[in-house]
C-alpha atoms as a PDB file:
ATOM      1  CA  MET A   1      26.688  20.366 -24.681  1.00  0.00           C
ATOM      2  CA  THR A   2      26.666  17.776 -27.436  1.00  0.00           C
ATOM      3  CA  ILE A   3      23.806  15.320 -27.815  1.00  0.00           C
ATOM      4  CA  LYS A   4      24.606  12.115 -29.655  1.00  0.00           C
ATOM      5  CA  ALA A   5      21.821  10.554 -31.605  1.00  0.00           C
ATOM      6  CA  ALA A   6      22.180   6.817 -31.639  1.00  0.00           C
ATOM      7  CA  GLY A   7      21.356   4.976 -34.775  1.00  0.00           C
ATOM      8  CA  ARG A   8      20.760   1.349 -35.453  1.00  0.00           C
ATOM      9  CA  ASP A   9      24.097   0.448 -33.962  1.00  0.00           C
ATOM     10  CA  GLY A  10      22.530  -0.184 -30.517  1.00  0.00           C
ATOM     11  CA  GLY A  11      23.776   3.046 -28.955  1.00  0.00           C
ATOM     12  CA  GLU A  12      22.043   5.318 -26.453  1.00  0.00           C
ATOM     13  CA  ASP A  13      18.586   4.943 -28.028  1.00  0.00           C
ATOM     14  CA  SER A  14      18.771   1.186 -27.660  1.00  0.00           C
ATOM     15  CA  LYS A  15      19.829   1.514 -24.012  1.00  0.00           C
ATOM     16  CA  MET A  16      16.863   3.789 -23.337  1.00  0.00           C
ATOM     17  CA  LYS A  17      14.458   1.265 -24.836  1.00  0.00           C
ATOM     18  CA  LYS A  18      15.908  -1.425 -22.584  1.00  0.00           C
ATOM     19  CA  ALA A  19      15.814   0.804 -19.493  1.00  0.00           C
ATOM     20  CA  PHE A  20      12.238   2.016 -19.966  1.00  0.00           C
ATOM     21  CA  PRO A  21      10.485  -1.210 -18.783  1.00  0.00           C
ATOM     22  CA  ILE A  22      12.630  -1.210 -15.636  1.00  0.00           C
ATOM     23  CA  PHE A  23      11.838   2.452 -14.974  1.00  0.00           C
ATOM     24  CA  ALA A  24       8.114   1.822 -15.559  1.00  0.00           C
ATOM     25  CA  ALA A  25       8.132  -1.151 -13.155  1.00  0.00           C
ATOM     26  CA  LEU A  26       9.836   0.911 -10.453  1.00  0.00           C
ATOM     27  CA  LEU A  27       7.360   3.747 -10.946  1.00  0.00           C
ATOM     28  CA  LEU A  28       4.395   1.380 -10.647  1.00  0.00           C
ATOM     29  CA  ALA A  29       5.913  -0.235  -7.557  1.00  0.00           C
ATOM     30  CA  SER A  30       6.221   3.105  -5.831  1.00  0.00           C
ATOM     31  CA  CYS A  31       2.556   3.872  -6.565  1.00  0.00           C
ATOM     32  CA  ALA A  32       1.256   0.442  -5.578  1.00  0.00           C
ATOM     33  CA  SER A  33       2.874   0.419  -2.168  1.00  0.00           C
ATOM     34  CA  ALA A  34       2.785   4.142  -1.413  1.00  0.00           C
ATOM     35  CA  PRO A  35       1.257   5.086   1.924  1.00  0.00           C
ATOM     36  CA  ARG A  36      -2.403   5.891   1.640  1.00  0.00           C
ATOM     37  CA  THR A  37      -4.602   8.055   3.849  1.00  0.00           C
ATOM     38  CA  ALA A  38      -8.299   8.383   3.161  1.00  0.00           C
ATOM     39  CA  GLU A  39     -11.609   8.827   4.899  1.00  0.00           C
ATOM     40  CA  LEU A  40     -14.601   6.482   4.900  1.00  0.00           C
ATOM     41  CA  PRO A  41     -17.319   9.159   4.713  1.00  0.00           C
ATOM     42  CA  GLN A  42     -20.134   6.611   4.543  1.00  0.00           C
ATOM     43  CA  LEU A  43     -19.561   5.879   8.259  1.00  0.00           C
ATOM     44  CA  ARG A  44     -19.876   9.506   9.372  1.00  0.00           C
ATOM     45  CA  GLY A  45     -23.023  10.035  11.474  1.00  0.00           C
ATOM     46  CA  GLN A  46     -23.583   6.279  11.944  1.00  0.00           C
ATOM     47  CA  PRO A  47     -23.495   4.581  15.358  1.00  0.00           C
ATOM     48  CA  LEU A  48     -20.299   2.746  16.334  1.00  0.00           C
ATOM     49  CA  SER A  49     -22.143  -0.534  15.750  1.00  0.00           C
ATOM     50  CA  ALA A  50     -22.017   0.196  11.991  1.00  0.00           C
ATOM     51  CA  ALA A  51     -18.204   0.099  12.050  1.00  0.00           C
ATOM     52  CA  VAL A  52     -18.228  -3.001  14.258  1.00  0.00           C
ATOM     53  CA  GLY A  53     -20.633  -4.642  11.794  1.00  0.00           C
ATOM     54  CA  HIS A  54     -18.201  -4.062   8.930  1.00  0.00           C
ATOM     55  CA  PHE A  55     -14.838  -4.666  10.637  1.00  0.00           C
ATOM     56  CA  GLY A  56     -15.526  -6.643  13.820  1.00  0.00           C
ATOM     57  CA  SER A  57     -14.421  -5.551  17.275  1.00  0.00           C
ATOM     58  CA  PRO A  58     -11.731  -2.871  17.382  1.00  0.00           C
ATOM     59  CA  GLN A  59      -8.243  -3.892  18.498  1.00  0.00           C
ATOM     60  CA  GLN A  60      -7.879  -0.757  20.609  1.00  0.00           C
ATOM     61  CA  THR A  61     -10.206   1.640  22.434  1.00  0.00           C
ATOM     62  CA  ILE A  62      -9.024   5.007  23.700  1.00  0.00           C
ATOM     63  CA  ARG A  63     -11.344   6.831  26.092  1.00  0.00           C
ATOM     64  CA  GLN A  64     -10.380  10.404  26.887  1.00  0.00           C
ATOM     65  CA  HIS A  65     -12.217  12.486  29.458  1.00  0.00           C
ATOM     66  CA  GLY A  66     -13.923  15.411  27.757  1.00  0.00           C
ATOM     67  CA  MET A  67     -12.902  14.280  24.253  1.00  0.00           C
ATOM     68  CA  ASN A  68     -14.181  11.902  21.593  1.00  0.00           C
ATOM     69  CA  ASP A  69     -13.690   8.177  22.114  1.00  0.00           C
ATOM     70  CA  VAL A  70     -11.322   6.659  19.548  1.00  0.00           C
ATOM     71  CA  TYR A  71     -11.493   3.098  18.214  1.00  0.00           C
ATOM     72  CA  VAL A  72      -8.672   1.534  16.194  1.00  0.00           C
ATOM     73  CA  TRP A  73      -8.658  -1.414  13.791  1.00  0.00           C
ATOM     74  CA  THR A  74      -5.494  -2.703  12.136  1.00  0.00           C
ATOM     75  CA  HIS A  75      -5.008  -4.946   9.131  1.00  0.00           C
ATOM     76  CA  ASP A  76      -1.732  -6.549   8.001  1.00  0.00           C
ATOM     77  CA  VAL A  77      -0.943  -8.295   4.743  1.00  0.00           C
ATOM     78  CA  ALA A  78       2.181 -10.467   4.717  1.00  0.00           C
ATOM     79  CA  TRP A  79       3.765 -11.708   1.513  1.00  0.00           C
ATOM     80  CA  GLN A  80       7.021 -13.354   0.552  1.00  0.00           C
ATOM     81  CA  SER A  81       9.548 -12.691  -2.155  1.00  0.00           C
ATOM     82  CA  ASN A  82      12.835 -14.139  -3.258  1.00  0.00           C
ATOM     83  CA  LEU A  83      15.792 -11.845  -2.692  1.00  0.00           C
ATOM     84  CA  PRO A  84      17.998 -11.198  -5.716  1.00  0.00           C
ATOM     85  CA  GLU A  85      21.251 -13.116  -5.974  1.00  0.00           C
ATOM     86  CA  GLN A  86      23.205  -9.972  -6.699  1.00  0.00           C
ATOM     87  CA  GLY A  87      22.776  -6.239  -7.180  1.00  0.00           C
ATOM     88  CA  PRO A  88      19.699  -4.192  -8.052  1.00  0.00           C
ATOM     89  CA  SER A  89      18.029  -6.831 -10.174  1.00  0.00           C
ATOM     90  CA  VAL A  90      14.542  -6.904  -8.723  1.00  0.00           C
ATOM     91  CA  SER A  91      11.607  -4.557  -8.369  1.00  0.00           C
ATOM     92  CA  VAL A  92       8.217  -4.973  -6.738  1.00  0.00           C
ATOM     93  CA  VAL A  93       5.040  -4.134  -8.648  1.00  0.00           C
ATOM     94  CA  GLY A  94       2.041  -4.531  -6.327  1.00  0.00           C
ATOM     95  CA  LYS A  95       2.470  -8.051  -4.987  1.00  0.00           C
ATOM     96  CA  ASN A  96       4.484  -9.180  -8.026  1.00  0.00           C
ATOM     97  CA  VAL A  97       8.250  -9.371  -7.969  1.00  0.00           C
ATOM     98  CA  VAL A  98       9.859  -8.538 -11.316  1.00  0.00           C
ATOM     99  CA  TYR A  99      13.383  -9.831 -11.941  1.00  0.00           C
ATOM    100  CA  ARG A 100      15.864  -8.511 -14.460  1.00  0.00           C
ATOM    101  CA  PRO A 101      16.124 -11.018 -17.331  1.00  0.00           C
ATOM    102  CA  GLY A 102      18.442 -13.865 -16.413  1.00  0.00           C
ATOM    103  CA  MET A 103      18.188 -13.245 -12.649  1.00  0.00           C
ATOM    104  CA  ARG A 104      16.305 -15.277 -10.071  1.00  0.00           C
ATOM    105  CA  GLY A 105      16.147 -14.955  -6.329  1.00  0.00           C
ATOM    106  CA  ARG A 106      17.494 -17.449  -3.845  1.00  0.00           C
ATOM    107  CA  ASP A 107      16.594 -16.297  -0.333  1.00  0.00           C
ATOM    108  CA  VAL A 108      12.991 -15.793   0.754  1.00  0.00           C
ATOM    109  CA  GLN A 109      12.143 -12.533   2.501  1.00  0.00           C
ATOM    110  CA  THR A 110       8.803 -11.820   4.184  1.00  0.00           C
ATOM    111  CA  TYR A 111       7.319  -8.327   3.895  1.00  0.00           C
ATOM    112  CA  THR A 112       4.331  -6.865   5.710  1.00  0.00           C
ATOM    113  CA  TRP A 113       1.959  -4.148   4.590  1.00  0.00           C
ATOM    114  CA  GLU A 114       0.009  -2.478   7.414  1.00  0.00           C
ATOM    115  CA  CYS A 115      -3.008  -0.215   7.646  1.00  0.00           C
ATOM    116  CA  ARG A 116      -4.848   1.392  10.600  1.00  0.00           C
ATOM    117  CA  LEU A 117      -8.445   2.553  10.683  1.00  0.00           C
ATOM    118  CA  VAL A 118      -9.113   5.201  13.344  1.00  0.00           C
ATOM    119  CA  VAL A 119     -12.755   5.943  14.167  1.00  0.00           C
ATOM    120  CA  SER A 120     -13.638   8.895  16.367  1.00  0.00           C
ATOM    121  CA  VAL A 121     -17.035   8.769  18.114  1.00  0.00           C
ATOM    122  CA  ASP A 122     -18.792  11.837  19.516  1.00  0.00           C
ATOM    123  CA  LYS A 123     -22.038  11.459  21.501  1.00  0.00           C
ATOM    124  CA  GLY A 124     -22.708   7.984  20.122  1.00  0.00           C
ATOM    125  CA  SER A 125     -22.156   8.839  16.433  1.00  0.00           C
ATOM    126  CA  ILE A 126     -19.068   8.404  14.274  1.00  0.00           C
ATOM    127  CA  ALA A 127     -17.473  11.822  13.768  1.00  0.00           C
ATOM    128  CA  SER A 128     -14.710  10.567  11.469  1.00  0.00           C
ATOM    129  CA  ALA A 129     -13.291   7.325  10.087  1.00  0.00           C
ATOM    130  CA  VAL A 130      -9.823   7.615   8.566  1.00  0.00           C
ATOM    131  CA  TYR A 131      -7.507   4.845   7.449  1.00  0.00           C
ATOM    132  CA  SER A 132      -3.799   5.209   6.705  1.00  0.00           C
ATOM    133  CA  GLY A 133      -0.977   2.884   5.783  1.00  0.00           C
ATOM    134  CA  ASP A 134       0.203   0.767   2.889  1.00  0.00           C
ATOM    135  CA  ALA A 135      -2.225   0.748  -0.027  1.00  0.00           C
ATOM    136  CA  PRO A 136      -2.619  -3.061  -0.408  1.00  0.00           C
ATOM    137  CA  ALA A 137      -3.478  -3.465   3.293  1.00  0.00           C
ATOM    138  CA  CYS A 138      -5.827  -0.447   3.247  1.00  0.00           C
ATOM    139  CA  ASP A 139      -7.781  -1.993   0.384  1.00  0.00           C
ATOM    140  CA  TYR A 140      -9.193  -4.344   3.050  1.00  0.00           C
ATOM    141  CA  PHE A 141     -11.085  -1.491   4.735  1.00  0.00           C
ATOM    142  CA  ARG A 142     -12.391  -0.072   1.464  1.00  0.00           C
ATOM    143  CA  GLY A 143     -13.487  -3.534   0.356  1.00  0.00           C
ATOM    144  CA  LYS A 144     -15.420  -4.162   3.578  1.00  0.00           C
ATOM    145  CA  MET A 145     -17.490  -1.030   2.910  1.00  0.00           C
ATOM    146  CA  LYS A 146     -18.800  -2.281  -0.438  1.00  0.00           C
ATOM    147  CA  PRO A 147     -22.315  -3.759  -0.370  1.00  0.00           C
END
């Protein structure tokens, strides 16, 4: 195998320097919108009214004979982006759309991030509170827990 070292002539080294920002943006985009699952331990042992105080009434209640009651809250975040005019010329970093130099979008596309909070209640106390979904939407639940 032969490895060519590129000099100042704009060879392989120059291409790598140009490709690195695109690679970094794609890497950050995958982290920013990666599915997230986490627990809200500060709710454990509290009455259900503590969760209702933070998040409002649950959207769904599941009562199972002989098992814990389950309460579900959902949160959606919708955002819009321009679609690229051609080819792989766009990446998403968090809520920011990054275009390749010289490219701009033309069609608007709406995206939705979703997150669900599932609270299990045993004998009047919260046994567990776990949220899962897209990180930007799940930030809503974490933010509501801050004083």
